[in-house]
């Protein structure tokens, strides 16, 4: 695995998640490939690749599994939103596309509450 030295936006989000979960600092993040997929270097074994995979790992590491959902339906919804984040927000071709996608997501969430 060849991770680049300069982390990307996904790495910034993961570092923020790490902090919000109360985990100690020290994880090493990088990116790989043209799409700058986040990579977490681990001390034991191969690195973890992908925003969803690393986010779930951090939540489990913080022993806050309830954030991933308690029921099968909740777990599916959490996965859906993480997948949406990766496929739609990262897939946006411009900052304006991303802004529109996030605006639509905000409207959807507000309608669900």
PDB file of N, CA and C in Angstrom:
ATOM      1  N   UNK A   1       0.852  -1.162   0.000  1.00  0.00           N
ATOM      2  CA  UNK A   1       0.000   0.000   0.000  1.00  0.00           C
ATOM      3  C   UNK A   1       0.895   1.221   0.000  1.00  0.00           C
ATOM      4  N   UNK A   2       0.672   2.093  -0.965  1.00  0.00           N
ATOM      5  CA  UNK A   2       1.478   3.302  -1.041  1.00  0.00           C
ATOM      6  C   UNK A   2       0.600   4.496  -0.717  1.00  0.00           C
ATOM      7  N   UNK A   3       0.680   4.961   0.494  1.00  0.00           N
ATOM      8  CA  UNK A   3      -0.116   6.112   0.913  1.00  0.00           C
ATOM      9  C   UNK A   3       0.707   7.374   0.739  1.00  0.00           C
ATOM     10  N   UNK A   4       0.041   8.395   0.230  1.00  0.00           N
ATOM     11  CA  UNK A   4       0.723   9.674   0.042  1.00  0.00           C
ATOM     12  C   UNK A   4       0.946  10.340   1.388  1.00  0.00           C
ATOM     13  N   UNK A   5       1.916  11.228   1.429  1.00  0.00           N
ATOM     14  CA  UNK A   5       2.269  11.877   2.690  1.00  0.00           C
ATOM     15  C   UNK A   5       1.270  12.966   3.067  1.00  0.00           C
ATOM     16  N   UNK A   6       0.618  13.604   2.077  1.00  0.00           N
ATOM     17  CA  UNK A   6      -0.306  14.697   2.366  1.00  0.00           C
ATOM     18  C   UNK A   6      -1.724  14.159   2.471  1.00  0.00           C
ATOM     19  N   UNK A   7      -2.330  14.227   3.653  1.00  0.00           N
ATOM     20  CA  UNK A   7      -3.699  13.767   3.800  1.00  0.00           C
ATOM     21  C   UNK A   7      -4.663  14.664   3.033  1.00  0.00           C
ATOM     22  N   UNK A   8      -5.820  14.104   2.700  1.00  0.00           N
ATOM     23  CA  UNK A   8      -6.850  14.855   1.998  1.00  0.00           C
ATOM     24  C   UNK A   8      -8.001  15.207   2.918  1.00  0.00           C
ATOM     25  N   UNK A   9      -9.071  15.771   2.356  1.00  0.00           N
ATOM     26  CA  UNK A   9     -10.227  16.187   3.154  1.00  0.00           C
ATOM     27  C   UNK A   9     -10.833  15.036   3.971  1.00  0.00           C
ATOM     28  N   UNK A  10     -10.901  13.851   3.422  1.00  0.00           N
ATOM     29  CA  UNK A  10     -11.427  12.699   4.161  1.00  0.00           C
ATOM     30  C   UNK A  10     -10.607  12.427   5.412  1.00  0.00           C
ATOM     31  N   UNK A  11      -9.314  12.634   5.330  1.00  0.00           N
ATOM     32  CA  UNK A  11      -8.438  12.430   6.488  1.00  0.00           C
ATOM     33  C   UNK A  11      -8.705  13.469   7.566  1.00  0.00           C
ATOM     34  N   UNK A  12      -8.988  14.688   7.137  1.00  0.00           N
ATOM     35  CA  UNK A  12      -9.334  15.739   8.100  1.00  0.00           C
ATOM     36  C   UNK A  12     -10.620  15.365   8.845  1.00  0.00           C
ATOM     37  N   UNK A  13     -11.595  14.856   8.110  1.00  0.00           N
ATOM     38  CA  UNK A  13     -12.852  14.434   8.726  1.00  0.00           C
ATOM     39  C   UNK A  13     -12.627  13.303   9.725  1.00  0.00           C
ATOM     40  N   UNK A  14     -11.775  12.356   9.363  1.00  0.00           N
ATOM     41  CA  UNK A  14     -11.500  11.226  10.250  1.00  0.00           C
ATOM     42  C   UNK A  14     -10.770  11.691  11.508  1.00  0.00           C
ATOM     43  N   UNK A  15      -9.852  12.632  11.360  1.00  0.00           N
ATOM     44  CA  UNK A  15      -9.147  13.170  12.532  1.00  0.00           C
ATOM     45  C   UNK A  15     -10.142  13.896  13.446  1.00  0.00           C
ATOM     46  N   UNK A  16     -11.098  14.606  12.862  1.00  0.00           N
ATOM     47  CA  UNK A  16     -12.132  15.282  13.648  1.00  0.00           C
ATOM     48  C   UNK A  16     -13.013  14.256  14.355  1.00  0.00           C
ATOM     49  N   UNK A  17     -13.410  13.208  13.644  1.00  0.00           N
ATOM     50  CA  UNK A  17     -14.215  12.144  14.252  1.00  0.00           C
ATOM     51  C   UNK A  17     -13.467  11.517  15.421  1.00  0.00           C
ATOM     52  N   UNK A  18     -12.193  11.259  15.220  1.00  0.00           N
ATOM     53  CA  UNK A  18     -11.333  10.702  16.271  1.00  0.00           C
ATOM     54  C   UNK A  18     -11.380  11.584  17.523  1.00  0.00           C
ATOM     55  N   UNK A  19     -11.262  12.888  17.314  1.00  0.00           N
ATOM     56  CA  UNK A  19     -11.285  13.842  18.428  1.00  0.00           C
ATOM     57  C   UNK A  19     -12.666  13.863  19.099  1.00  0.00           C
ATOM     58  N   UNK A  20     -13.736  13.900  18.307  1.00  0.00           N
ATOM     59  CA  UNK A  20     -15.095  13.931  18.847  1.00  0.00           C
ATOM     60  C   UNK A  20     -15.436  12.661  19.626  1.00  0.00           C
ATOM     61  N   UNK A  21     -14.829  11.560  19.240  1.00  0.00           N
ATOM     62  CA  UNK A  21     -15.049  10.291  19.939  1.00  0.00           C
ATOM     63  C   UNK A  21     -14.217  10.183  21.210  1.00  0.00           C
ATOM     64  N   UNK A  22     -13.324  11.141  21.433  1.00  0.00           N
ATOM     65  CA  UNK A  22     -12.482  11.125  22.622  1.00  0.00           C
ATOM     66  C   UNK A  22     -11.318  10.162  22.531  1.00  0.00           C
ATOM     67  N   UNK A  23     -10.945   9.794  21.317  1.00  0.00           N
ATOM     68  CA  UNK A  23      -9.808   8.893  21.140  1.00  0.00           C
ATOM     69  C   UNK A  23      -8.501   9.678  21.227  1.00  0.00           C
ATOM     70  N   UNK A  24      -7.455   9.039  21.725  1.00  0.00           N
ATOM     71  CA  UNK A  24      -6.172   9.737  21.783  1.00  0.00           C
ATOM     72  C   UNK A  24      -5.640   9.994  20.369  1.00  0.00           C
ATOM     73  N   UNK A  25      -4.924  11.096  20.215  1.00  0.00           N
ATOM     74  CA  UNK A  25      -4.327  11.409  18.911  1.00  0.00           C
ATOM     75  C   UNK A  25      -3.225  10.404  18.633  1.00  0.00           C
ATOM     76  N   UNK A  26      -2.818  10.361  17.402  1.00  0.00           N
ATOM     77  CA  UNK A  26      -1.693   9.503  17.090  1.00  0.00           C
ATOM     78  C   UNK A  26      -1.894   8.621  15.885  1.00  0.00           C
ATOM     79  N   UNK A  27      -3.139   8.495  15.409  1.00  0.00           N
ATOM     80  CA  UNK A  27      -3.346   7.710  14.199  1.00  0.00           C
ATOM     81  C   UNK A  27      -2.691   8.417  13.024  1.00  0.00           C
ATOM     82  N   UNK A  28      -2.123   7.635  12.148  1.00  0.00           N
ATOM     83  CA  UNK A  28      -1.458   8.167  10.965  1.00  0.00           C
ATOM     84  C   UNK A  28      -2.371   7.952   9.764  1.00  0.00           C
ATOM     85  N   UNK A  29      -2.798   9.079   9.170  1.00  0.00           N
ATOM     86  CA  UNK A  29      -3.658   9.019   8.003  1.00  0.00           C
ATOM     87  C   UNK A  29      -2.887   9.408   6.762  1.00  0.00           C
ATOM     88  N   UNK A  30      -3.275   8.850   5.657  1.00  0.00           N
ATOM     89  CA  UNK A  30      -2.725   9.196   4.362  1.00  0.00           C
ATOM     90  C   UNK A  30      -3.807   8.974   3.328  1.00  0.00           C
ATOM     91  N   UNK A  31      -3.444   9.105   2.076  1.00  0.00           N
ATOM     92  CA  UNK A  31      -4.377   8.860   0.992  1.00  0.00           C
ATOM     93  C   UNK A  31      -3.694   7.996  -0.052  1.00  0.00           C
ATOM     94  N   UNK A  32      -4.530   7.349  -0.855  1.00  0.00           N
ATOM     95  CA  UNK A  32      -3.954   6.573  -1.943  1.00  0.00           C
ATOM     96  C   UNK A  32      -4.800   6.752  -3.186  1.00  0.00           C
ATOM     97  N   UNK A  33      -4.158   6.662  -4.295  1.00  0.00           N
ATOM     98  CA  UNK A  33      -4.853   6.727  -5.571  1.00  0.00           C
ATOM     99  C   UNK A  33      -5.236   8.126  -5.999  1.00  0.00           C
ATOM    100  N   UNK A  34      -5.712   8.186  -7.221  1.00  0.00           N
ATOM    101  CA  UNK A  34      -6.116   9.445  -7.835  1.00  0.00           C
ATOM    102  C   UNK A  34      -7.277  10.095  -7.086  1.00  0.00           C
ATOM    103  N   UNK A  35      -8.171   9.276  -6.533  1.00  0.00           N
ATOM    104  CA  UNK A  35      -9.347   9.811  -5.822  1.00  0.00           C
ATOM    105  C   UNK A  35      -9.040  10.150  -4.374  1.00  0.00           C
ATOM    106  N   UNK A  36      -7.789   9.974  -3.975  1.00  0.00           N
ATOM    107  CA  UNK A  36      -7.333  10.308  -2.614  1.00  0.00           C
ATOM    108  C   UNK A  36      -8.172   9.613  -1.540  1.00  0.00           C
ATOM    109  N   UNK A  37      -8.256   8.294  -1.655  1.00  0.00           N
ATOM    110  CA  UNK A  37      -8.994   7.480  -0.693  1.00  0.00           C
ATOM    111  C   UNK A  37      -8.219   7.466   0.623  1.00  0.00           C
ATOM    112  N   UNK A  38      -8.890   7.785   1.752  1.00  0.00           N
ATOM    113  CA  UNK A  38      -8.194   7.798   3.042  1.00  0.00           C
ATOM    114  C   UNK A  38      -7.650   6.409   3.420  1.00  0.00           C
ATOM    115  N   UNK A  39      -6.494   6.420   4.054  1.00  0.00           N
ATOM    116  CA  UNK A  39      -5.853   5.202   4.550  1.00  0.00           C
ATOM    117  C   UNK A  39      -5.429   5.455   5.993  1.00  0.00           C
ATOM    118  N   UNK A  40      -5.703   4.503   6.859  1.00  0.00           N
ATOM    119  CA  UNK A  40      -5.251   4.569   8.255  1.00  0.00           C
ATOM    120  C   UNK A  40      -4.147   3.548   8.426  1.00  0.00           C
ATOM    121  N   UNK A  41      -2.961   4.020   8.792  1.00  0.00           N
ATOM    122  CA  UNK A  41      -1.851   3.117   9.079  1.00  0.00           C
ATOM    123  C   UNK A  41      -2.081   2.515  10.458  1.00  0.00           C
ATOM    124  N   UNK A  42      -2.055   1.214  10.551  1.00  0.00           N
ATOM    125  CA  UNK A  42      -2.254   0.566  11.845  1.00  0.00           C
ATOM    126  C   UNK A  42      -0.949  -0.031  12.334  1.00  0.00           C
ATOM    127  N   UNK A  43      -0.861  -0.198  13.645  1.00  0.00           N
ATOM    128  CA  UNK A  43       0.337  -0.800  14.224  1.00  0.00           C
ATOM    129  C   UNK A  43       0.343  -2.306  14.078  1.00  0.00           C
ATOM    130  N   UNK A  44      -0.838  -2.886  14.071  1.00  0.00           N
ATOM    131  CA  UNK A  44      -0.925  -4.355  13.995  1.00  0.00           C
ATOM    132  C   UNK A  44      -1.679  -4.748  12.738  1.00  0.00           C
ATOM    133  N   UNK A  45      -0.929  -5.134  11.720  1.00  0.00           N
ATOM    134  CA  UNK A  45      -1.534  -5.608  10.491  1.00  0.00           C
ATOM    135  C   UNK A  45      -1.571  -4.548   9.411  1.00  0.00           C
ATOM    136  N   UNK A  46      -2.269  -4.891   8.336  1.00  0.00           N
ATOM    137  CA  UNK A  46      -2.330  -3.961   7.204  1.00  0.00           C
ATOM    138  C   UNK A  46      -3.154  -2.727   7.538  1.00  0.00           C
ATOM    139  N   UNK A  47      -2.939  -1.667   6.766  1.00  0.00           N
ATOM    140  CA  UNK A  47      -3.700  -0.444   6.963  1.00  0.00           C
ATOM    141  C   UNK A  47      -5.156  -0.636   6.571  1.00  0.00           C
ATOM    142  N   UNK A  48      -5.996   0.255   7.042  1.00  0.00           N
ATOM    143  CA  UNK A  48      -7.409   0.244   6.683  1.00  0.00           C
ATOM    144  C   UNK A  48      -7.631   1.293   5.612  1.00  0.00           C
ATOM    145  N   UNK A  49      -8.441   0.962   4.615  1.00  0.00           N
ATOM    146  CA  UNK A  49      -8.670   1.845   3.485  1.00  0.00           C
ATOM    147  C   UNK A  49     -10.137   2.185   3.352  1.00  0.00           C
ATOM    148  N   UNK A  50     -10.420   3.469   3.148  1.00  0.00           N
ATOM    149  CA  UNK A  50     -11.776   3.919   2.879  1.00  0.00           C
ATOM    150  C   UNK A  50     -12.406   4.644   4.053  1.00  0.00           C
ATOM    151  N   UNK A  51     -13.104   5.725   3.749  1.00  0.00           N
ATOM    152  CA  UNK A  51     -13.722   6.558   4.769  1.00  0.00           C
ATOM    153  C   UNK A  51     -14.687   5.770   5.647  1.00  0.00           C
ATOM    154  N   UNK A  52     -15.574   4.980   5.032  1.00  0.00           N
ATOM    155  CA  UNK A  52     -16.569   4.228   5.797  1.00  0.00           C
ATOM    156  C   UNK A  52     -15.907   3.200   6.715  1.00  0.00           C
ATOM    157  N   UNK A  53     -14.953   2.490   6.186  1.00  0.00           N
ATOM    158  CA  UNK A  53     -14.263   1.449   6.950  1.00  0.00           C
ATOM    159  C   UNK A  53     -13.529   2.044   8.146  1.00  0.00           C
ATOM    160  N   UNK A  54     -12.811   3.135   7.911  1.00  0.00           N
ATOM    161  CA  UNK A  54     -12.036   3.758   8.984  1.00  0.00           C
ATOM    162  C   UNK A  54     -12.959   4.385  10.014  1.00  0.00           C
ATOM    163  N   UNK A  55     -14.037   5.045   9.566  1.00  0.00           N
ATOM    164  CA  UNK A  55     -14.992   5.657  10.500  1.00  0.00           C
ATOM    165  C   UNK A  55     -15.597   4.594  11.415  1.00  0.00           C
ATOM    166  N   UNK A  56     -16.017   3.469  10.856  1.00  0.00           N
ATOM    167  CA  UNK A  56     -16.586   2.384  11.662  1.00  0.00           C
ATOM    168  C   UNK A  56     -15.551   1.837  12.638  1.00  0.00           C
ATOM    169  N   UNK A  57     -14.304   1.712  12.197  1.00  0.00           N
ATOM    170  CA  UNK A  57     -13.222   1.234  13.062  1.00  0.00           C
ATOM    171  C   UNK A  57     -13.029   2.174  14.254  1.00  0.00           C
ATOM    172  N   UNK A  58     -13.019   3.488  13.992  1.00  0.00           N
ATOM    173  CA  UNK A  58     -12.822   4.462  15.068  1.00  0.00           C
ATOM    174  C   UNK A  58     -13.971   4.419  16.072  1.00  0.00           C
ATOM    175  N   UNK A  59     -15.197   4.286  15.581  1.00  0.00           N
ATOM    176  CA  UNK A  59     -16.366   4.212  16.463  1.00  0.00           C
ATOM    177  C   UNK A  59     -16.266   2.977  17.362  1.00  0.00           C
ATOM    178  N   UNK A  60     -15.876   1.861  16.775  1.00  0.00           N
ATOM    179  CA  UNK A  60     -15.731   0.623  17.571  1.00  0.00           C
ATOM    180  C   UNK A  60     -14.564   0.747  18.550  1.00  0.00           C
ATOM    181  N   UNK A  61     -13.494   1.379  18.129  1.00  0.00           N
ATOM    182  CA  UNK A  61     -12.335   1.579  18.996  1.00  0.00           C
ATOM    183  C   UNK A  61     -12.722   2.424  20.215  1.00  0.00           C
ATOM    184  N   UNK A  62     -13.634   3.390  20.016  1.00  0.00           N
ATOM    185  CA  UNK A  62     -14.096   4.255  21.104  1.00  0.00           C
ATOM    186  C   UNK A  62     -15.182   3.588  21.942  1.00  0.00           C
ATOM    187  N   UNK A  63     -15.538   2.353  21.565  1.00  0.00           N
ATOM    188  CA  UNK A  63     -16.587   1.605  22.257  1.00  0.00           C
ATOM    189  C   UNK A  63     -17.907   2.389  22.272  1.00  0.00           C
ATOM    190  N   UNK A  64     -18.230   2.956  21.101  1.00  0.00           N
ATOM    191  CA  UNK A  64     -19.486   3.705  20.938  1.00  0.00           C
ATOM    192  C   UNK A  64     -20.261   3.117  19.762  1.00  0.00           C
ATOM    193  N   UNK A  65     -20.372   1.784  19.782  1.00  0.00           N
ATOM    194  CA  UNK A  65     -21.021   1.061  18.690  1.00  0.00           C
ATOM    195  C   UNK A  65     -22.438   1.533  18.417  1.00  0.00           C
ATOM    196  N   UNK A  66     -23.106   2.117  19.430  1.00  0.00           N
ATOM    197  CA  UNK A  66     -24.482   2.572  19.249  1.00  0.00           C
ATOM    198  C   UNK A  66     -24.559   3.631  18.145  1.00  0.00           C
ATOM    199  N   UNK A  67     -23.461   4.320  17.864  1.00  0.00           N
ATOM    200  CA  UNK A  67     -23.455   5.318  16.793  1.00  0.00           C
ATOM    201  C   UNK A  67     -23.598   4.672  15.423  1.00  0.00           C
ATOM    202  N   UNK A  68     -23.297   3.389  15.339  1.00  0.00           N
ATOM    203  CA  UNK A  68     -23.433   2.666  14.073  1.00  0.00           C
ATOM    204  C   UNK A  68     -24.818   2.055  13.923  1.00  0.00           C
ATOM    205  N   UNK A  69     -25.668   2.235  14.942  1.00  0.00           N
ATOM    206  CA  UNK A  69     -27.024   1.704  14.907  1.00  0.00           C
ATOM    207  C   UNK A  69     -27.168   0.514  15.836  1.00  0.00           C
ATOM    208  N   UNK A  70     -28.374   0.403  16.416  1.00  0.00           N
ATOM    209  CA  UNK A  70     -28.642  -0.706  17.338  1.00  0.00           C
ATOM    210  C   UNK A  70     -29.428  -1.823  16.667  1.00  0.00           C
ATOM    211  N   UNK A  71     -30.362  -1.458  15.808  1.00  0.00           N
ATOM    212  CA  UNK A  71     -31.176  -2.458  15.111  1.00  0.00           C
ATOM    213  C   UNK A  71     -30.640  -2.625  13.693  1.00  0.00           C
ATOM    214  N   UNK A  72     -31.113  -3.650  13.015  1.00  0.00           N
ATOM    215  CA  UNK A  72     -30.691  -3.874  11.631  1.00  0.00           C
ATOM    216  C   UNK A  72     -31.060  -2.675  10.758  1.00  0.00           C
ATOM    217  N   UNK A  73     -32.233  -2.098  10.994  1.00  0.00           N
ATOM    218  CA  UNK A  73     -32.669  -0.952  10.206  1.00  0.00           C
ATOM    219  C   UNK A  73     -31.790   0.269  10.478  1.00  0.00           C
ATOM    220  N   UNK A  74     -31.486   0.534  11.755  1.00  0.00           N
ATOM    221  CA  UNK A  74     -30.620   1.663  12.092  1.00  0.00           C
ATOM    222  C   UNK A  74     -29.234   1.490  11.479  1.00  0.00           C
ATOM    223  N   UNK A  75     -28.711   0.279  11.549  1.00  0.00           N
ATOM    224  CA  UNK A  75     -27.387   0.012  10.965  1.00  0.00           C
ATOM    225  C   UNK A  75     -27.403   0.262   9.460  1.00  0.00           C
ATOM    226  N   UNK A  76     -28.485  -0.136   8.812  1.00  0.00           N
ATOM    227  CA  UNK A  76     -28.602   0.074   7.370  1.00  0.00           C
ATOM    228  C   UNK A  76     -28.666   1.563   7.039  1.00  0.00           C
ATOM    229  N   UNK A  77     -29.390   2.343   7.851  1.00  0.00           N
ATOM    230  CA  UNK A  77     -29.497   3.784   7.612  1.00  0.00           C
ATOM    231  C   UNK A  77     -28.143   4.465   7.799  1.00  0.00           C
ATOM    232  N   UNK A  78     -27.403   4.076   8.835  1.00  0.00           N
ATOM    233  CA  UNK A  78     -26.074   4.656   9.050  1.00  0.00           C
ATOM    234  C   UNK A  78     -25.175   4.329   7.854  1.00  0.00           C
ATOM    235  N   UNK A  79     -25.191   3.074   7.415  1.00  0.00           N
ATOM    236  CA  UNK A  79     -24.391   2.685   6.251  1.00  0.00           C
ATOM    237  C   UNK A  79     -24.807   3.471   5.021  1.00  0.00           C
ATOM    238  N   UNK A  80     -26.129   3.675   4.879  1.00  0.00           N
ATOM    239  CA  UNK A  80     -26.643   4.431   3.732  1.00  0.00           C
ATOM    240  C   UNK A  80     -26.079   5.848   3.719  1.00  0.00           C
ATOM    241  N   UNK A  81     -26.093   6.519   4.881  1.00  0.00           N
ATOM    242  CA  UNK A  81     -25.598   7.891   4.931  1.00  0.00           C
ATOM    243  C   UNK A  81     -24.088   7.953   4.729  1.00  0.00           C
ATOM    244  N   UNK A  82     -23.361   6.989   5.274  1.00  0.00           N
ATOM    245  CA  UNK A  82     -21.912   6.969   5.046  1.00  0.00           C
ATOM    246  C   UNK A  82     -21.613   6.727   3.567  1.00  0.00           C
ATOM    247  N   UNK A  83     -22.358   5.819   2.966  1.00  0.00           N
ATOM    248  CA  UNK A  83     -22.169   5.539   1.545  1.00  0.00           C
ATOM    249  C   UNK A  83     -22.538   6.768   0.699  1.00  0.00           C
ATOM    250  N   UNK A  84     -23.620   7.435   1.079  1.00  0.00           N
ATOM    251  CA  UNK A  84     -24.036   8.658   0.394  1.00  0.00           C
ATOM    252  C   UNK A  84     -22.916   9.688   0.460  1.00  0.00           C
ATOM    253  N   UNK A  85     -22.328   9.817   1.637  1.00  0.00           N
ATOM    254  CA  UNK A  85     -21.227  10.770   1.832  1.00  0.00           C
ATOM    255  C   UNK A  85     -20.085  10.479   0.864  1.00  0.00           C
ATOM    256  N   UNK A  86     -19.747   9.207   0.761  1.00  0.00           N
ATOM    257  CA  UNK A  86     -18.608   8.832  -0.076  1.00  0.00           C
ATOM    258  C   UNK A  86     -18.941   8.950  -1.569  1.00  0.00           C
ATOM    259  N   UNK A  87     -20.099   8.438  -1.965  1.00  0.00           N
ATOM    260  CA  UNK A  87     -20.407   8.408  -3.397  1.00  0.00           C
ATOM    261  C   UNK A  87     -20.888   9.742  -3.940  1.00  0.00           C
ATOM    262  N   UNK A  88     -21.655  10.484  -3.178  1.00  0.00           N
ATOM    263  CA  UNK A  88     -22.224  11.732  -3.679  1.00  0.00           C
ATOM    264  C   UNK A  88     -21.341  12.936  -3.370  1.00  0.00           C
ATOM    265  N   UNK A  89     -20.909  13.074  -2.134  1.00  0.00           N
ATOM    266  CA  UNK A  89     -20.128  14.261  -1.776  1.00  0.00           C
ATOM    267  C   UNK A  89     -18.733  14.176  -2.396  1.00  0.00           C
ATOM    268  N   UNK A  90     -18.068  13.053  -2.251  1.00  0.00           N
ATOM    269  CA  UNK A  90     -16.742  12.916  -2.860  1.00  0.00           C
ATOM    270  C   UNK A  90     -16.839  12.881  -4.379  1.00  0.00           C
ATOM    271  N   UNK A  91     -17.973  12.392  -4.892  1.00  0.00           N
ATOM    272  CA  UNK A  91     -18.152  12.281  -6.338  1.00  0.00           C
ATOM    273  C   UNK A  91     -18.512  13.591  -7.005  1.00  0.00           C
ATOM    274  N   UNK A  92     -18.817  14.622  -6.217  1.00  0.00           N
ATOM    275  CA  UNK A  92     -19.161  15.928  -6.782  1.00  0.00           C
ATOM    276  C   UNK A  92     -18.001  16.478  -7.582  1.00  0.00           C
ATOM    277  N   UNK A  93     -18.318  17.054  -8.729  1.00  0.00           N
ATOM    278  CA  UNK A  93     -17.235  17.520  -9.590  1.00  0.00           C
ATOM    279  C   UNK A  93     -16.733  18.912  -9.220  1.00  0.00           C
ATOM    280  N   UNK A  94     -17.496  19.628  -8.382  1.00  0.00           N
ATOM    281  CA  UNK A  94     -17.055  20.966  -7.999  1.00  0.00           C
ATOM    282  C   UNK A  94     -17.546  21.293  -6.595  1.00  0.00           C
ATOM    283  N   UNK A  95     -17.045  22.389  -6.055  1.00  0.00           N
ATOM    284  CA  UNK A  95     -17.512  22.833  -4.735  1.00  0.00           C
ATOM    285  C   UNK A  95     -18.990  23.173  -4.783  1.00  0.00           C
ATOM    286  N   UNK A  96     -19.445  23.714  -5.895  1.00  0.00           N
ATOM    287  CA  UNK A  96     -20.869  24.055  -6.045  1.00  0.00           C
ATOM    288  C   UNK A  96     -21.726  22.784  -6.033  1.00  0.00           C
ATOM    289  N   UNK A  97     -21.265  21.725  -6.731  1.00  0.00           N
ATOM    290  CA  UNK A  97     -21.986  20.448  -6.708  1.00  0.00           C
ATOM    291  C   UNK A  97     -22.089  19.931  -5.280  1.00  0.00           C
ATOM    292  N   UNK A  98     -20.991  19.997  -4.558  1.00  0.00           N
ATOM    293  CA  UNK A  98     -20.971  19.515  -3.174  1.00  0.00           C
ATOM    294  C   UNK A  98     -21.910  20.344  -2.313  1.00  0.00           C
ATOM    295  N   UNK A  99     -21.908  21.648  -2.491  1.00  0.00           N
ATOM    296  CA  UNK A  99     -22.808  22.516  -1.726  1.00  0.00           C
ATOM    297  C   UNK A  99     -24.269  22.141  -1.982  1.00  0.00           C
ATOM    298  N   UNK A 100     -24.635  21.912  -3.224  1.00  0.00           N
ATOM    299  CA  UNK A 100     -26.012  21.544  -3.573  1.00  0.00           C
ATOM    300  C   UNK A 100     -26.376  20.192  -2.961  1.00  0.00           C
ATOM    301  N   UNK A 101     -25.477  19.235  -3.033  1.00  0.00           N
ATOM    302  CA  UNK A 101     -25.725  17.905  -2.465  1.00  0.00           C
ATOM    303  C   UNK A 101     -25.947  18.006  -0.962  1.00  0.00           C
ATOM    304  N   UNK A 102     -25.088  18.761  -0.275  1.00  0.00           N
ATOM    305  CA  UNK A 102     -25.231  18.904   1.171  1.00  0.00           C
ATOM    306  C   UNK A 102     -26.504  19.662   1.535  1.00  0.00           C
ATOM    307  N   UNK A 103     -26.898  20.614   0.724  1.00  0.00           N
ATOM    308  CA  UNK A 103     -28.151  21.341   0.955  1.00  0.00           C
ATOM    309  C   UNK A 103     -29.334  20.375   0.837  1.00  0.00           C
ATOM    310  N   UNK A 104     -29.334  19.527  -0.190  1.00  0.00           N
ATOM    311  CA  UNK A 104     -30.396  18.535  -0.360  1.00  0.00           C
ATOM    312  C   UNK A 104     -30.415  17.558   0.810  1.00  0.00           C
ATOM    313  N   UNK A 105     -29.242  17.156   1.274  1.00  0.00           N
ATOM    314  CA  UNK A 105     -29.155  16.245   2.410  1.00  0.00           C
ATOM    315  C   UNK A 105     -29.724  16.904   3.661  1.00  0.00           C
ATOM    316  N   UNK A 106     -29.417  18.160   3.877  1.00  0.00           N
ATOM    317  CA  UNK A 106     -29.935  18.888   5.036  1.00  0.00           C
ATOM    318  C   UNK A 106     -31.464  18.949   4.987  1.00  0.00           C
ATOM    319  N   UNK A 107     -32.015  19.236   3.820  1.00  0.00           N
ATOM    320  CA  UNK A 107     -33.471  19.278   3.662  1.00  0.00           C
ATOM    321  C   UNK A 107     -34.072  17.915   3.978  1.00  0.00           C
ATOM    322  N   UNK A 108     -33.459  16.853   3.469  1.00  0.00           N
ATOM    323  CA  UNK A 108     -33.968  15.501   3.716  1.00  0.00           C
ATOM    324  C   UNK A 108     -33.967  15.174   5.210  1.00  0.00           C
ATOM    325  N   UNK A 109     -32.880  15.486   5.886  1.00  0.00           N
ATOM    326  CA  UNK A 109     -32.771  15.203   7.323  1.00  0.00           C
ATOM    327  C   UNK A 109     -33.832  15.986   8.089  1.00  0.00           C
ATOM    328  N   UNK A 110     -34.030  17.243   7.744  1.00  0.00           N
ATOM    329  CA  UNK A 110     -35.034  18.057   8.420  1.00  0.00           C
ATOM    330  C   UNK A 110     -36.437  17.484   8.234  1.00  0.00           C
ATOM    331  N   UNK A 111     -36.729  16.930   7.076  1.00  0.00           N
ATOM    332  CA  UNK A 111     -38.042  16.332   6.818  1.00  0.00           C
ATOM    333  C   UNK A 111     -38.245  15.048   7.608  1.00  0.00           C
ATOM    334  N   UNK A 112     -37.153  14.376   7.953  1.00  0.00           N
ATOM    335  CA  UNK A 112     -37.235  13.108   8.682  1.00  0.00           C
ATOM    336  C   UNK A 112     -37.485  13.311  10.183  1.00  0.00           C
ATOM    337  N   UNK A 113     -37.147  14.486  10.690  1.00  0.00           N
ATOM    338  CA  UNK A 113     -37.244  14.754  12.121  1.00  0.00           C
ATOM    339  C   UNK A 113     -38.627  15.080  12.532  1.00  0.00           C
TER     340      UNK A 113
END
